[in-house]
Amino acid sequence: MSDFDTVIHDGTVVTAHETVRADIGIRGGVIAAIAGRISGGARRIDAGGRLVMPGGIEGHCHIAQESSTGIMTADDYYSGSVSAAFGGNSCFIPFAAQHRGQTIADVVATYDGRAAANSVLDYSYHLIISDPSPAVLEELPGVFARGITSFKVFMTYDLMNIGDGGMLDILTVAKRHGALTMVHAENNDMVKWMNRRFVAAGMEEPKYHALSRPELAEEEAINRAVSLAKLVDAALFVVHVSTRGGAEIVRREKLAGTRLFAETCPQYLAFTRDDLNRPGMEGAKYICSPPLRDHATQDALWQHIRTGTFESVSSDHAPYRADASGKFVNGDDAPYPKIANGMPGIAMRLPWLFSEGVGKARITLPEFVRLSSANAARVFGLERKGAILPGYDADIAIWNPEERRRVTLADQHDNMDYTPFEGMDVTGWPELVMNNGRVVVEKGVLKARPGEGRFIARKPVDTGAMPGHRAVEFDIAAAYGREIAP
């Protein structure tokens, strides 16, 4: 009888810190041994010198989720997890969205019903809070205890925006229980003011969407969100940073010790606002919020990726088909404010990042691992994922760094009718993806079945050595003999 269920041999193992030739022995879905040479194995997988890395962890995607206006994403937990797997991911954390009037228990039960029987990958949830009523705040500790230790709030969209006071309530509860608050940071009134002016002037084509959501709207909101989090010394994660100014705020605050994390996304590096100015309604396919910017911003974001401002590069996969079920639910000639926001990209996140990052010497292989999986595992409390180490889940992706592809919709394996990456040339592609020692994808063939993925309970956020911020007013209150906790 073999000591190992599977042995991956003759591969170049890449971790968040080093690259080394090694074999990997897997037993019971867990990495059991790493050595220069391992014999045996009920199955032996010849990596042929290719790169053996932790499977990607997609930390920002919208799967089987209704928007605030009731539009359902095109991907359910089966198609979404399959697409993620073909893109080199072995785990993902979609959002479970609360809409106003819903209890948290109902939200979680709904998403459990959508995910458990369908996902081919391990999964967890970020909870979206749009209605932080006293009753909802009382429910949150039970959700944290279950291992849903992060959630998202919005500073824009009338049906999702919870206001500064609501954010402070959420941040306070989150701090008490070690949870992480994620924030979509755009100044709602700035955006609405711009929209009114553009619509009044008859400027309603898709190209005006990017102009209607100013860079200053993001920068102001990031600064305000960070200030709110600092007041109560709570951990904050700023999602989809799209501006130079926003990234600089994050960088400055992290250097000051603020308990702060952030990400950017491939679309802000691959496309610009010029893509919204395509003929007819083709530009609608590139409508997302925050919007696409320009080439100078792309250069700045790459610099921030290189210098560690961002923990991850996430897809923000928001799959709305270019038809009446998605983008054009309000008509095929709808004005831009009535076109569904979001772009697909869960399958292209890692191949594109590898090609443009590693392939063009913008980032190293260990940096790729940190941006694709290791940092997400650390920040979001996935304690046995994101690394190739004994005792960790055997979530592994074998990459061919030399494989060249011209991107097609068929490569995505999702339920979409387009990919914004169509026709782009990339170098580097995942050939095999494992989740808990199960081969999910191998040489372009799906090997997994629906429902084989597990719900993963996550640990509280680890802010490590971040000193945080103590508002002086709390100390003064204590000096007055009135101790209050933020």
Protein backbone atom coordinates (compact mmCIF):
# COMPACT_ATOMS: atom_id res chain seq x y z
CA MET A 1 0.00 0.00 0.00
CA SER A 2 1.38 3.42 -0.97
CA ASP A 3 2.25 5.99 1.66
CA PHE A 4 0.61 8.70 -0.45
CA ASP A 5 -2.57 9.01 -2.44
CA THR A 6 -0.81 11.30 -4.92
CA VAL A 7 2.76 12.40 -5.54
CA ILE A 8 3.52 15.42 -7.72
CA HIS A 9 7.09 14.98 -8.89
CA ASP A 10 9.70 16.84 -10.92
CA GLY A 11 8.08 20.22 -10.44
CA THR A 12 9.35 23.68 -9.52
CA VAL A 13 7.50 24.55 -6.31
CA VAL A 14 6.74 28.25 -5.89
CA THR A 15 5.76 29.64 -2.50
CA ALA A 16 5.19 33.17 -1.26
CA HIS A 17 8.88 33.37 -0.41
CA GLU A 18 10.93 31.05 -2.61
CA THR A 19 11.18 28.84 -5.69
CA VAL A 20 12.65 25.34 -5.29
CA ARG A 21 12.70 21.99 -7.10
CA ALA A 22 10.73 19.53 -4.97
CA ASP A 23 8.20 16.71 -4.94
CA ILE A 24 4.94 16.85 -2.99
CA GLY A 25 3.27 13.91 -1.26
CA ILE A 26 -0.48 14.14 -0.64
CA ARG A 27 -2.50 12.01 1.75
CA GLY A 28 -6.17 12.37 2.67
CA GLY A 29 -6.49 15.65 0.77
CA VAL A 30 -3.64 17.24 2.74
CA ILE A 31 0.00 17.93 1.88
CA ALA A 32 1.86 15.31 3.88
CA ALA A 33 5.45 15.73 2.68
CA ILE A 34 7.71 17.97 0.61
CA ALA A 35 11.15 16.69 -0.36
CA GLY A 36 13.69 16.66 -3.14
CA ARG A 37 12.54 13.21 -4.19
CA ILE A 38 9.45 11.28 -3.04
CA SER A 39 8.77 7.75 -4.25
CA GLY A 40 5.49 5.87 -4.31
CA GLY A 41 2.04 7.34 -4.60
CA ALA A 42 -1.13 5.63 -5.80
CA ARG A 43 -1.05 8.22 -8.55
CA ARG A 44 2.08 9.97 -9.70
CA ILE A 45 1.71 13.28 -11.53
CA ASP A 46 4.72 14.32 -13.58
CA ALA A 47 4.98 18.10 -13.40
CA GLY A 48 7.71 18.01 -16.04
CA GLY A 49 9.61 20.96 -14.57
CA ARG A 50 6.54 23.18 -14.66
CA LEU A 51 5.52 25.57 -11.88
CA VAL A 52 3.71 24.03 -8.91
CA MET A 53 1.95 26.75 -6.93
CA PRO A 54 -0.84 27.13 -4.38
CA GLY A 55 -4.20 27.21 -6.11
CA GLY A 56 -5.58 30.69 -6.46
CA ILE A 57 -8.00 32.09 -3.91
CA GLU A 58 -10.55 34.37 -5.54
CA GLY A 59 -11.53 36.80 -2.79
CA HIS A 60 -13.95 39.06 -4.67
CA CYS A 61 -16.64 37.67 -6.97
CA HIS A 62 -20.40 37.83 -7.39
CA ILE A 63 -21.94 34.39 -7.87
CA ALA A 64 -25.69 33.57 -7.90
CA GLN A 65 -26.26 37.03 -6.47
CA GLU A 66 -29.09 39.48 -7.12
CA SER A 67 -28.15 43.12 -7.52
CA SER A 68 -30.00 45.73 -5.48
CA THR A 69 -32.29 46.21 -8.49
CA GLY A 70 -33.06 42.49 -8.73
CA ILE A 71 -30.81 41.41 -11.62
CA MET A 72 -29.34 37.93 -11.10
CA THR A 73 -25.76 37.27 -12.15
CA ALA A 74 -25.30 34.88 -15.05
CA ASP A 75 -23.11 32.47 -13.08
CA ASP A 76 -24.44 30.14 -10.40
CA TYR A 77 -22.20 28.23 -7.99
CA TYR A 78 -21.61 25.47 -10.52
CA SER A 79 -20.62 27.58 -13.54
CA GLY A 80 -18.86 30.14 -11.35
CA SER A 81 -16.73 27.58 -9.55
CA VAL A 82 -15.95 25.73 -12.80
CA SER A 83 -14.83 28.98 -14.42
CA ALA A 84 -12.71 29.81 -11.38
CA ALA A 85 -11.09 26.38 -11.51
CA PHE A 86 -10.20 26.64 -15.19
CA GLY A 87 -8.52 29.94 -14.27
CA GLY A 88 -6.20 28.30 -11.74
CA ASN A 89 -8.26 28.82 -8.58
CA SER A 90 -8.94 26.15 -5.96
CA CYS A 91 -11.10 28.21 -3.57
CA PHE A 92 -13.32 31.28 -3.80
CA ILE A 93 -15.26 33.64 -1.54
CA PRO A 94 -18.34 35.07 -3.25
CA PHE A 95 -20.72 37.54 -1.62
CA ALA A 96 -23.95 36.71 0.18
CA ALA A 97 -25.99 39.87 -0.24
CA GLN A 98 -28.51 41.15 2.27
CA HIS A 99 -31.12 43.42 0.74
CA ARG A 100 -33.20 45.74 2.83
CA GLY A 101 -35.71 44.02 5.07
CA GLN A 102 -33.93 40.65 5.01
CA THR A 103 -32.67 38.91 8.12
CA ILE A 104 -29.12 37.63 8.12
CA ALA A 105 -30.36 34.10 8.84
CA ASP A 106 -32.47 34.17 5.68
CA VAL A 107 -29.55 35.47 3.60
CA VAL A 108 -27.17 32.76 4.76
CA ALA A 109 -29.77 30.03 4.30
CA THR A 110 -30.42 31.26 0.75
CA TYR A 111 -26.76 31.14 -0.23
CA ASP A 112 -26.20 27.79 1.48
CA GLY A 113 -28.96 26.45 -0.75
CA ARG A 114 -27.30 27.90 -3.84
CA ALA A 115 -23.76 26.77 -3.05
CA ALA A 116 -23.70 23.44 -1.22
CA ALA A 117 -25.01 21.18 -3.98
CA ASN A 118 -23.30 23.00 -6.83
CA SER A 119 -19.79 24.23 -6.14
CA VAL A 120 -16.88 22.17 -7.43
CA LEU A 121 -14.47 24.21 -5.27
CA ASP A 122 -14.21 25.01 -1.58
CA TYR A 123 -15.99 28.25 -0.79
CA SER A 124 -16.93 30.72 1.92
CA TYR A 125 -18.94 33.95 1.91
CA HIS A 126 -18.45 37.64 2.48
CA LEU A 127 -21.72 38.97 3.86
CA ILE A 128 -23.02 42.19 2.27
CA ILE A 129 -24.87 44.40 4.76
CA SER A 130 -27.29 46.96 3.34
CA ASP A 131 -29.66 47.25 6.31
CA PRO A 132 -27.74 47.48 9.61
CA SER A 133 -30.78 47.65 11.86
CA PRO A 134 -30.43 46.86 15.58
CA ALA A 135 -31.89 43.40 14.92
CA VAL A 136 -29.37 42.74 12.17
CA LEU A 137 -26.46 43.90 14.34
CA GLU A 138 -27.59 41.41 16.98
CA GLU A 139 -27.46 38.60 14.41
CA LEU A 140 -23.89 39.26 13.29
CA PRO A 141 -22.04 37.53 16.18
CA GLY A 142 -23.74 34.25 15.29
CA VAL A 143 -22.57 34.59 11.69
CA PHE A 144 -19.02 35.28 12.86
CA ALA A 145 -19.14 32.19 15.07
CA ARG A 146 -20.02 30.12 12.02
CA GLY A 147 -16.84 31.31 10.31
CA ILE A 148 -18.18 34.08 8.06
CA THR A 149 -15.68 36.63 9.30
CA SER A 150 -15.84 39.34 6.65
CA PHE A 151 -18.53 41.46 5.13
CA LYS A 152 -18.96 44.32 2.74
CA VAL A 153 -20.63 47.71 2.98
CA PHE A 154 -21.31 50.34 0.33
CA MET A 155 -20.79 54.09 0.31
CA THR A 156 -22.65 54.44 -2.99
CA TYR A 157 -25.89 53.20 -4.64
CA ASP A 158 -29.04 54.45 -2.91
CA LEU A 159 -30.33 50.94 -2.19
CA MET A 160 -27.03 49.80 -0.65
CA ASN A 161 -25.44 52.90 0.91
CA ILE A 162 -25.62 52.62 4.71
CA GLY A 163 -24.23 56.06 5.52
CA ASP A 164 -21.37 56.99 7.82
CA GLY A 165 -23.33 56.21 10.99
CA GLY A 166 -24.23 52.76 9.70
CA MET A 167 -20.60 52.13 8.84
CA LEU A 168 -19.51 53.07 12.37
CA ASP A 169 -22.05 50.64 13.83
CA ILE A 170 -20.83 47.84 11.56
CA LEU A 171 -17.15 48.61 12.17
CA THR A 172 -17.69 48.57 15.93
CA VAL A 173 -19.38 45.16 15.90
CA ALA A 174 -16.72 43.84 13.55
CA LYS A 175 -13.89 44.97 15.80
CA ARG A 176 -15.47 43.34 18.84
CA HIS A 177 -15.58 39.96 17.10
CA GLY A 178 -12.42 40.07 15.00
CA ALA A 179 -14.24 40.46 11.69
CA LEU A 180 -13.08 42.39 8.64
CA THR A 181 -15.17 45.10 6.99
CA MET A 182 -14.80 45.48 3.23
CA VAL A 183 -15.90 48.73 1.62
CA HIS A 184 -16.93 49.90 -1.84
CA ALA A 185 -15.71 53.48 -1.57
CA GLU A 186 -17.27 56.08 -3.88
CA ASN A 187 -18.90 59.35 -2.82
CA ASN A 188 -22.57 58.76 -3.59
CA ASP A 189 -23.58 62.42 -3.85
CA MET A 190 -20.72 63.27 -6.20
CA VAL A 191 -21.75 60.46 -8.53
CA LYS A 192 -25.44 61.37 -8.43
CA TRP A 193 -24.64 65.04 -9.06
CA MET A 194 -22.54 64.15 -12.11
CA ASN A 195 -25.23 61.80 -13.41
CA ARG A 196 -27.90 64.51 -13.22
CA ARG A 197 -25.73 66.91 -15.20
CA PHE A 198 -24.84 64.37 -17.88
CA VAL A 199 -28.40 63.15 -18.32
CA ALA A 200 -29.73 66.73 -18.49
CA ALA A 201 -27.24 67.40 -21.29
CA GLY A 202 -28.28 64.27 -23.20
CA MET A 203 -24.89 62.60 -22.58
CA GLU A 204 -26.20 59.09 -21.97
CA GLU A 205 -24.03 56.79 -24.11
CA PRO A 206 -21.87 54.16 -22.33
CA LYS A 207 -18.73 56.30 -22.75
CA TYR A 208 -20.08 58.83 -20.25
CA HIS A 209 -20.30 56.26 -17.47
CA ALA A 210 -16.58 56.55 -16.71
CA LEU A 211 -16.75 60.34 -16.58
CA SER A 212 -19.78 60.28 -14.28
CA ARG A 213 -17.84 58.57 -11.47
CA PRO A 214 -14.88 60.93 -10.85
CA GLU A 215 -11.54 59.87 -9.48
CA LEU A 216 -12.17 62.31 -6.63
CA ALA A 217 -15.33 60.40 -5.71
CA GLU A 218 -13.23 57.33 -4.98
CA GLU A 219 -10.41 59.21 -3.30
CA GLU A 220 -12.72 61.16 -0.98
CA ALA A 221 -14.64 58.03 -0.01
CA ILE A 222 -11.50 55.98 0.67
CA ASN A 223 -10.19 58.76 2.90
CA ARG A 224 -13.54 58.96 4.72
CA ALA A 225 -13.84 55.18 5.11
CA VAL A 226 -10.34 54.98 6.56
CA SER A 227 -11.14 57.81 8.97
CA LEU A 228 -14.28 56.02 10.16
CA ALA A 229 -12.34 52.79 10.69
CA LYS A 230 -9.56 54.62 12.55
CA LEU A 231 -12.05 56.26 14.92
CA VAL A 232 -13.01 52.84 16.28
CA ASP A 233 -9.63 51.19 15.42
CA ALA A 234 -11.29 48.52 13.28
CA ALA A 235 -9.74 46.57 10.39
CA LEU A 236 -10.81 47.73 6.93
CA PHE A 237 -10.37 46.28 3.43
CA VAL A 238 -10.80 48.70 0.51
CA VAL A 239 -11.99 46.77 -2.54
CA HIS A 240 -11.28 47.47 -6.23
CA VAL A 241 -9.04 50.55 -5.89
CA SER A 242 -8.99 52.17 -9.33
CA THR A 243 -7.14 55.48 -8.84
CA ARG A 244 -3.64 56.68 -8.16
CA GLY A 245 -4.91 58.96 -5.37
CA GLY A 246 -6.86 56.15 -3.73
CA ALA A 247 -3.83 53.87 -3.78
CA GLU A 248 -1.66 56.61 -2.31
CA ILE A 249 -4.08 57.05 0.60
CA VAL A 250 -3.93 53.31 1.27
CA ARG A 251 -0.13 53.34 1.10
CA ARG A 252 0.17 56.32 3.44
CA GLU A 253 -2.19 54.87 6.01
CA LYS A 254 -0.58 51.44 5.97
CA LEU A 255 2.81 53.03 6.60
CA ALA A 256 1.24 54.86 9.55
CA GLY A 257 0.13 51.54 11.04
CA THR A 258 -3.58 51.72 10.25
CA ARG A 259 -5.32 48.33 10.22
CA LEU A 260 -5.87 48.50 6.49
CA PHE A 261 -5.89 46.17 3.50
CA ALA A 262 -6.70 46.77 -0.16
CA GLU A 263 -6.93 45.24 -3.62
CA THR A 264 -7.09 46.27 -7.24
CA CYS A 265 -8.44 44.30 -10.22
CA PRO A 266 -7.22 43.22 -13.68
CA GLN A 267 -9.75 45.39 -15.50
CA TYR A 268 -8.15 48.55 -14.13
CA LEU A 269 -4.81 47.35 -15.49
CA ALA A 270 -6.00 45.91 -18.82
CA PHE A 271 -8.58 48.44 -20.06
CA THR A 272 -9.19 52.18 -20.10
CA ARG A 273 -12.17 54.49 -20.38
CA ASP A 274 -11.58 54.49 -24.16
CA ASP A 275 -13.02 50.96 -24.22
CA LEU A 276 -16.41 52.41 -23.27
CA ASN A 277 -16.31 54.46 -26.48
CA ARG A 278 -16.69 51.45 -28.74
CA PRO A 279 -19.24 51.48 -31.59
CA GLY A 280 -22.93 51.17 -30.78
CA MET A 281 -23.55 49.64 -27.37
CA GLU A 282 -20.33 47.59 -27.30
CA GLY A 283 -18.99 49.98 -24.68
CA ALA A 284 -21.66 48.75 -22.26
CA LYS A 285 -19.63 45.56 -21.83
CA TYR A 286 -16.95 47.65 -20.10
CA ILE A 287 -19.23 49.43 -17.62
CA CYS A 288 -18.15 48.70 -14.07
CA SER A 289 -17.93 50.69 -10.87
CA PRO A 290 -15.56 52.21 -10.02
CA PRO A 291 -15.02 52.84 -13.73
CA LEU A 292 -12.02 52.25 -15.97
CA ARG A 293 -9.46 55.07 -15.95
CA ASP A 294 -6.41 55.75 -18.19
CA HIS A 295 -2.91 54.49 -19.01
CA ALA A 296 -1.19 56.77 -16.51
CA THR A 297 -3.37 55.30 -13.76
CA GLN A 298 -2.46 51.79 -14.89
CA ASP A 299 1.23 52.59 -14.55
CA ALA A 300 0.63 53.96 -11.06
CA LEU A 301 -1.36 50.90 -9.99
CA TRP A 302 1.37 48.56 -11.21
CA GLN A 303 3.85 50.53 -9.12
CA HIS A 304 1.64 50.06 -6.08
CA ILE A 305 1.36 46.34 -6.81
CA ARG A 306 5.15 46.08 -6.93
CA THR A 307 5.62 47.98 -3.66
CA GLY A 308 3.03 46.07 -1.64
CA THR A 309 0.17 48.54 -1.37
CA PHE A 310 -2.31 45.83 -2.41
CA GLU A 311 -2.76 42.47 -0.75
CA SER A 312 -4.37 40.98 -3.84
CA VAL A 313 -5.45 41.42 -7.42
CA SER A 314 -9.04 40.13 -7.46
CA SER A 315 -11.44 39.72 -10.35
CA ASP A 316 -14.60 41.42 -9.00
CA HIS A 317 -16.30 38.95 -11.36
CA ALA A 318 -19.76 40.45 -11.93
CA PRO A 319 -21.21 38.46 -14.85
CA TYR A 320 -24.12 40.21 -16.54
CA ARG A 321 -24.77 39.02 -20.06
CA ALA A 322 -25.01 41.58 -22.87
CA ASP A 323 -28.71 40.90 -23.31
CA ALA A 324 -32.08 41.53 -21.66
CA SER A 325 -31.18 39.28 -18.71
CA GLY A 326 -28.22 41.43 -17.74
CA LYS A 327 -26.67 44.58 -19.16
CA PHE A 328 -29.77 45.53 -21.16
CA VAL A 329 -32.53 44.64 -18.74
CA ASN A 330 -33.80 48.20 -19.28
CA GLY A 331 -33.62 47.99 -23.06
CA ASP A 332 -30.91 47.54 -25.66
CA ASP A 333 -30.50 51.30 -25.99
CA ALA A 334 -30.74 52.15 -22.28
CA PRO A 335 -28.91 55.24 -20.98
CA TYR A 336 -25.72 54.39 -19.12
CA PRO A 337 -27.20 54.90 -15.59
CA LYS A 338 -29.63 52.05 -16.33
CA ILE A 339 -27.07 49.58 -17.68
CA ALA A 340 -26.01 46.87 -15.22
CA ASN A 341 -22.58 47.51 -13.68
CA GLY A 342 -19.98 44.79 -13.79
CA MET A 343 -17.53 42.82 -15.90
CA PRO A 344 -16.74 39.08 -15.98
CA GLY A 345 -13.21 37.87 -15.36
CA ILE A 346 -12.91 35.07 -12.81
CA ALA A 347 -11.20 32.72 -15.28
CA MET A 348 -8.83 35.37 -16.65
CA ARG A 349 -7.66 36.94 -13.37
CA LEU A 350 -4.64 34.70 -12.90
CA PRO A 351 -3.62 33.97 -16.53
CA TRP A 352 -3.72 37.70 -17.25
CA LEU A 353 -1.84 38.60 -14.05
CA PHE A 354 0.76 35.92 -14.75
CA SER A 355 1.28 37.03 -18.34
CA GLU A 356 1.37 40.77 -17.68
CA GLY A 357 3.00 40.53 -14.27
CA VAL A 358 5.48 37.66 -14.22
CA GLY A 359 5.85 37.45 -18.01
CA LYS A 360 6.77 41.11 -18.34
CA ALA A 361 8.96 41.18 -15.20
CA ARG A 362 6.65 43.50 -13.30
CA ILE A 363 6.38 41.00 -10.42
CA THR A 364 8.29 37.89 -9.33
CA LEU A 365 6.88 34.39 -9.02
CA PRO A 366 6.67 34.60 -5.19
CA GLU A 367 4.90 37.94 -5.56
CA PHE A 368 2.43 36.27 -7.92
CA VAL A 369 1.71 33.66 -5.24
CA ARG A 370 1.18 36.35 -2.63
CA LEU A 371 -1.18 38.32 -4.87
CA SER A 372 -3.09 35.27 -6.10
CA SER A 373 -3.53 33.23 -2.94
CA ALA A 374 -1.22 33.61 0.07
CA ASN A 375 -2.31 37.08 1.12
CA ALA A 376 -6.00 36.29 0.66
CA ALA A 377 -5.62 33.21 2.86
CA ARG A 378 -3.92 35.27 5.57
CA VAL A 379 -6.24 38.27 5.48
CA PHE A 380 -9.50 36.33 5.18
CA GLY A 381 -8.65 33.65 7.74
CA LEU A 382 -8.25 30.58 5.50
CA GLU A 383 -5.72 29.03 7.81
CA ARG A 384 -4.97 25.86 5.80
CA LYS A 385 -4.87 27.38 2.35
CA GLY A 386 -2.62 29.63 0.28
CA ALA A 387 0.64 27.76 0.92
CA ILE A 388 2.46 24.57 -0.02
CA LEU A 389 3.36 23.27 3.43
CA PRO A 390 2.81 20.01 5.32
CA GLY A 391 -0.58 20.04 7.00
CA TYR A 392 -2.14 22.44 4.50
CA ASP A 393 -4.96 21.50 2.15
CA ALA A 394 -3.64 20.10 -1.10
CA ASP A 395 -4.92 23.06 -3.12
CA ILE A 396 -2.40 23.11 -5.94
CA ALA A 397 -2.15 24.48 -9.46
CA ILE A 398 0.43 23.31 -12.00
CA TRP A 399 1.22 26.05 -14.52
CA ASN A 400 2.91 25.88 -17.88
CA PRO A 401 4.72 29.23 -17.99
CA GLU A 402 5.47 28.89 -21.71
CA GLU A 403 1.99 28.11 -23.02
CA ARG A 404 0.66 30.85 -25.29
CA ARG A 405 -3.02 31.42 -25.86
CA ARG A 406 -5.25 33.87 -27.63
CA VAL A 407 -8.18 34.35 -25.27
CA THR A 408 -11.63 33.18 -26.37
CA LEU A 409 -15.02 33.03 -24.70
CA ALA A 410 -14.77 29.23 -24.73
CA ASP A 411 -11.74 29.44 -22.43
CA GLN A 412 -13.88 31.00 -19.69
CA HIS A 413 -16.24 28.07 -19.05
CA ASP A 414 -18.80 30.46 -17.56
CA ASN A 415 -22.39 31.38 -18.45
CA MET A 416 -21.44 34.62 -20.18
CA ASP A 417 -21.90 35.62 -23.81
CA TYR A 418 -18.69 37.68 -23.92
CA THR A 419 -15.32 38.16 -22.28
CA PRO A 420 -13.66 41.59 -22.30
CA PHE A 421 -10.33 39.79 -22.75
CA GLU A 422 -11.38 38.30 -26.13
CA GLY A 423 -8.48 38.19 -28.60
CA MET A 424 -5.76 39.12 -26.12
CA ASP A 425 -2.55 37.09 -26.22
CA VAL A 426 -1.32 35.69 -22.90
CA THR A 427 1.65 33.55 -21.95
CA GLY A 428 1.29 31.13 -19.04
CA TRP A 429 -1.69 28.88 -18.33
CA PRO A 430 -2.79 26.50 -15.54
CA GLU A 431 -2.79 22.88 -16.75
CA LEU A 432 -3.94 21.12 -13.59
CA VAL A 433 -5.86 22.34 -10.53
CA MET A 434 -6.38 20.39 -7.32
CA ASN A 435 -8.68 21.12 -4.38
CA ASN A 436 -8.11 19.01 -1.25
CA GLY A 437 -6.13 16.56 -3.33
CA ARG A 438 -8.98 16.13 -5.84
CA VAL A 439 -8.09 16.89 -9.43
CA VAL A 440 -10.67 19.47 -10.52
CA VAL A 441 -9.27 20.43 -13.94
CA GLU A 442 -6.62 18.59 -15.93
CA LYS A 443 -5.41 19.56 -19.40
CA GLY A 444 -8.59 21.39 -20.27
CA VAL A 445 -10.98 18.73 -18.93
CA LEU A 446 -13.27 19.16 -15.91
CA LYS A 447 -12.81 16.24 -13.50
CA ALA A 448 -14.96 17.39 -10.56
CA ARG A 449 -18.65 16.98 -9.87
CA PRO A 450 -21.14 19.52 -8.50
CA GLY A 451 -21.24 19.69 -4.71
CA GLU A 452 -17.72 18.39 -4.09
CA GLY A 453 -16.59 21.76 -2.77
CA ARG A 454 -16.89 22.38 0.99
CA PHE A 455 -17.94 25.43 2.96
CA ILE A 456 -14.84 26.70 4.78
CA ALA A 457 -15.25 28.37 8.17
CA ARG A 458 -12.70 31.16 8.45
CA LYS A 459 -10.76 32.57 11.37
CA PRO A 460 -10.86 36.19 12.58
CA VAL A 461 -8.84 38.76 10.67
CA ASP A 462 -5.15 38.83 11.53
CA THR A 463 -3.85 42.40 11.60
CA GLY A 464 -0.41 41.13 12.58
CA ALA A 465 1.94 43.83 13.72
CA MET A 466 -0.29 46.73 12.64
CA PRO A 467 -0.40 49.04 15.68
CA GLY A 468 -3.73 50.57 14.71
CA HIS A 469 -5.03 53.95 15.81
CA ARG A 470 -6.28 55.11 19.21
CA ALA A 471 -8.50 58.18 18.95
CA VAL A 472 -7.36 60.65 21.59
CA GLU A 473 -10.95 61.45 22.51
CA PHE A 474 -11.41 58.01 24.07
CA ASP A 475 -8.37 58.58 26.26
CA ILE A 476 -9.70 61.98 27.33
CA ALA A 477 -13.05 60.45 28.19
CA ALA A 478 -11.25 57.89 30.34
CA ALA A 479 -9.34 60.70 32.10
CA TYR A 480 -12.70 62.26 32.93
CA GLY A 481 -13.64 59.04 34.65
CA ARG A 482 -15.94 57.84 31.88
CA GLU A 483 -14.45 54.78 30.20
CA ILE A 484 -16.08 54.06 26.83
CA ALA A 485 -15.01 51.48 24.31
CA PRO A 486 -14.89 52.32 20.60
